[in-house]
Amino acid sequence: YCTMYWLIQSGSADYWQPIRQVHVLTTTTAELTYMGVPPGHCRSGPGLHWHVPVGPDRYLTDAALLHEAFNHAANPTHAQRLDGPKRERRAL
């Protein structure tokens, strides 16, 4: 496993309910965190790199979509509600 980071608008995760294995780094806690940010040209590993290259209009992740994806991955019952009931497939 590796550690992954997403950059989101400041304050957009303030009201997220806790999600298993997700830790939000924020300025609203007493905890101080420093995070290395690679230069824009670093696009492959090893080491810190951008999976999606940073650009003028794409450096922040949509926090609502990210939150939904985390919930989907961390909570199977939440994922099932989103996908609807599972249907049995039968060969004809």
Protein backbone atom coordinates (compact mmCIF):
# COMPACT_ATOMS: atom_id res chain seq x y z
CA TYR A 1 0.00 0.00 0.00
CA CYS A 2 1.10 3.56 -0.54
CA THR A 3 0.03 6.91 0.80
CA MET A 4 -1.94 9.06 -1.62
CA TYR A 5 -2.92 12.70 -1.30
CA TRP A 6 -5.57 14.81 -2.98
CA LEU A 7 -5.62 18.60 -2.87
CA ILE A 8 -9.08 20.01 -2.16
CA GLN A 9 -10.47 23.46 -1.47
CA SER A 10 -9.64 24.64 2.04
CA GLY A 11 -12.52 23.94 4.42
CA SER A 12 -14.41 21.64 2.03
CA ALA A 13 -13.84 18.57 4.27
CA ASP A 14 -14.62 20.28 7.57
CA TYR A 15 -17.97 18.54 7.95
CA TRP A 16 -17.08 15.10 6.57
CA GLN A 17 -18.03 12.23 8.85
CA PRO A 18 -15.01 10.04 9.66
CA ILE A 19 -14.18 7.53 6.95
CA ARG A 20 -12.07 4.45 7.69
CA GLN A 21 -8.43 4.87 6.57
CA VAL A 22 -8.92 8.51 5.47
CA HIS A 23 -7.14 11.26 7.33
CA VAL A 24 -7.90 14.87 6.41
CA LEU A 25 -4.98 17.27 6.89
CA THR A 26 -6.39 20.63 7.84
CA THR A 27 -5.51 23.91 9.48
CA THR A 28 -8.49 23.72 11.85
CA THR A 29 -6.80 21.27 14.24
CA ALA A 30 -3.90 21.75 16.62
CA GLU A 31 -1.93 19.23 14.56
CA LEU A 32 0.78 20.68 12.33
CA THR A 33 1.57 18.78 9.14
CA TYR A 34 4.15 19.39 6.45
CA MET A 35 3.70 17.69 3.11
CA GLY A 36 6.16 17.59 0.25
CA VAL A 37 4.73 18.64 -3.09
CA PRO A 38 6.64 17.53 -6.19
CA PRO A 39 7.42 19.90 -9.05
CA GLY A 40 4.88 19.87 -11.88
CA HIS A 41 7.20 17.98 -14.23
CA CYS A 42 7.51 14.92 -11.91
CA ARG A 43 4.97 12.55 -13.45
CA SER A 44 6.32 9.09 -12.62
CA GLY A 45 7.95 7.35 -9.68
CA PRO A 46 9.78 6.28 -7.77
CA GLY A 47 9.24 8.97 -5.20
CA LEU A 48 6.75 11.80 -5.06
CA HIS A 49 5.04 12.44 -8.36
CA TRP A 50 1.76 13.61 -9.86
CA HIS A 51 -0.61 10.87 -11.05
CA VAL A 52 -2.66 13.56 -12.81
CA PRO A 53 -0.35 16.39 -13.88
CA VAL A 54 -1.04 19.69 -12.20
CA GLY A 55 -2.09 22.54 -14.49
CA PRO A 56 -3.59 26.03 -14.39
CA ASP A 57 -7.16 24.71 -14.23
CA ARG A 58 -6.56 21.34 -12.57
CA TYR A 59 -4.85 21.27 -9.24
CA LEU A 60 -7.80 20.82 -6.87
CA THR A 61 -9.93 17.69 -6.68
CA ASP A 62 -13.71 18.09 -6.44
CA ALA A 63 -14.21 17.47 -2.71
CA ALA A 64 -17.80 16.22 -3.03
CA LEU A 65 -16.84 13.61 -5.64
CA LEU A 66 -13.80 12.57 -3.63
CA HIS A 67 -15.89 12.18 -0.47
CA GLU A 68 -18.40 10.02 -2.34
CA ALA A 69 -15.60 7.86 -3.77
CA PHE A 70 -14.08 7.36 -0.30
CA ASN A 71 -17.47 6.36 1.10
CA HIS A 72 -18.03 4.00 -1.81
CA ALA A 73 -14.66 2.31 -1.26
CA ALA A 74 -14.77 2.18 2.53
CA ASN A 75 -18.38 1.16 3.13
CA PRO A 76 -19.79 -1.79 1.16
CA THR A 77 -23.37 -1.06 2.28
CA HIS A 78 -23.02 2.53 1.08
CA ALA A 79 -21.70 1.26 -2.26
CA GLN A 80 -24.60 -1.17 -2.59
CA ARG A 81 -27.12 1.64 -1.98
CA LEU A 82 -25.51 3.66 -4.77
CA ASP A 83 -25.38 0.75 -7.20
CA GLY A 84 -28.85 -0.52 -6.40
CA PRO A 85 -29.80 -4.10 -5.70
CA LYS A 86 -27.64 -6.78 -7.23
CA ARG A 87 -29.45 -8.71 -9.93
CA GLU A 88 -28.78 -12.31 -10.72
CA ARG A 89 -27.67 -12.86 -14.30
CA ARG A 90 -28.90 -15.93 -16.09
CA ALA A 91 -27.61 -17.35 -19.31
CA LEU A 92 -30.30 -17.75 -21.95
